[in-house]
Protein backbone atom coordinates (compact mmCIF):
# COMPACT_ATOMS: atom_id res chain seq x y z
CA UNK A 1 -15.78 15.49 5.87
CA UNK A 2 -19.36 14.81 4.83
CA UNK A 3 -18.65 11.30 3.46
CA UNK A 4 -16.77 10.21 6.56
CA UNK A 5 -19.45 11.82 8.73
CA UNK A 6 -22.11 9.98 6.73
CA UNK A 7 -20.26 6.69 7.25
CA UNK A 8 -19.94 7.38 10.99
CA UNK A 9 -23.66 8.11 11.22
CA UNK A 10 -24.55 4.93 9.33
CA UNK A 11 -22.26 3.00 11.68
CA UNK A 12 -23.92 4.59 14.73
CA UNK A 13 -27.38 3.76 13.36
CA UNK A 14 -26.35 0.15 12.72
CA UNK A 15 -24.78 -0.15 16.17
CA UNK A 16 -27.63 1.52 18.07
CA UNK A 17 -30.28 -0.56 16.30
CA UNK A 18 -28.20 -3.75 16.12
CA UNK A 19 -28.75 -4.02 12.37
CA UNK A 20 -26.60 -4.12 9.25
CA UNK A 21 -27.68 -2.26 6.13
CA UNK A 22 -27.06 -4.06 2.86
CA UNK A 23 -25.10 -2.43 0.07
CA UNK A 24 -28.33 -2.17 -1.92
CA UNK A 25 -29.94 0.27 0.52
CA UNK A 26 -30.95 3.43 -1.32
CA UNK A 27 -30.80 6.27 1.17
CA UNK A 28 -32.80 8.59 -1.09
CA UNK A 29 -35.85 7.01 0.56
CA UNK A 30 -37.11 7.74 4.03
CA UNK A 31 -35.60 5.50 6.68
CA UNK A 32 -39.22 4.64 7.48
CA UNK A 33 -39.88 3.45 3.92
CA UNK A 34 -40.59 -0.32 3.72
CA UNK A 35 -37.55 -0.68 1.42
CA UNK A 36 -35.37 0.30 4.38
CA UNK A 37 -37.68 -0.88 7.12
CA UNK A 38 -37.04 1.21 10.20
CA UNK A 39 -39.84 2.02 12.64
CA UNK A 40 -40.65 5.46 14.12
CA UNK A 41 -39.27 4.33 17.48
CA UNK A 42 -35.95 3.61 15.73
CA UNK A 43 -35.67 7.31 14.88
CA UNK A 44 -35.77 8.09 18.60
CA UNK A 45 -32.95 5.64 19.23
CA UNK A 46 -30.98 7.26 16.39
CA UNK A 47 -31.74 10.74 17.74
CA UNK A 48 -30.38 10.01 21.21
CA UNK A 49 -27.51 7.86 19.91
CA UNK A 50 -26.25 10.69 17.69
CA UNK A 51 -26.53 13.26 20.47
CA UNK A 52 -24.46 11.02 22.71
CA UNK A 53 -21.89 10.02 20.10
CA UNK A 54 -21.23 13.55 18.84
CA UNK A 55 -21.84 15.42 22.13
CA UNK A 56 -24.47 17.60 20.48
CA UNK A 57 -28.03 18.60 21.29
CA UNK A 58 -30.77 18.74 18.70
CA UNK A 59 -33.61 21.23 19.08
CA UNK A 60 -37.20 21.16 17.83
CA UNK A 61 -36.24 22.98 14.63
CA UNK A 62 -33.78 20.24 13.69
CA UNK A 63 -36.53 17.66 13.88
CA UNK A 64 -39.58 19.57 12.70
CA UNK A 65 -38.14 21.69 9.88
CA UNK A 66 -35.86 18.97 8.56
CA UNK A 67 -37.16 15.54 7.75
CA UNK A 68 -35.19 13.56 10.33
CA UNK A 69 -36.21 10.33 8.59
CA UNK A 70 -33.87 10.95 5.62
CA UNK A 71 -30.19 10.14 5.99
CA UNK A 72 -29.00 13.24 4.12
CA UNK A 73 -31.04 15.46 6.46
CA UNK A 74 -29.65 13.68 9.51
CA UNK A 75 -26.10 14.14 8.20
CA UNK A 76 -26.75 17.85 7.54
CA UNK A 77 -28.19 18.36 11.04
CA UNK A 78 -25.26 16.60 12.71
CA UNK A 79 -22.72 18.44 10.56
CA UNK A 80 -24.26 21.80 11.46
CA UNK A 81 -24.18 20.98 15.17
CA UNK A 82 -20.62 19.63 15.08
CA UNK A 83 -19.37 22.71 13.22
CA UNK A 84 -21.02 24.99 15.78
CA UNK A 85 -19.40 23.11 18.67
CA UNK A 86 -15.88 23.48 17.29
């Protein structure tokens, strides 16, 4: 499920921000890293877009204790919320 969830999240990010990531994007870097090029305000758009798309609610812990600027951390946070909803 994690790979398809990851792909869905990437798709949501691309749709919400009206961008298209290239195949060369290395998601081991922060989404705020110049190699990826997102801005802090983009993380807010992602945050609210994911809550809406997956019908979940993030709390402070999800943002503060996990680095919400790394794709793997975002996927883990969404997966945890989705599993708790079901």
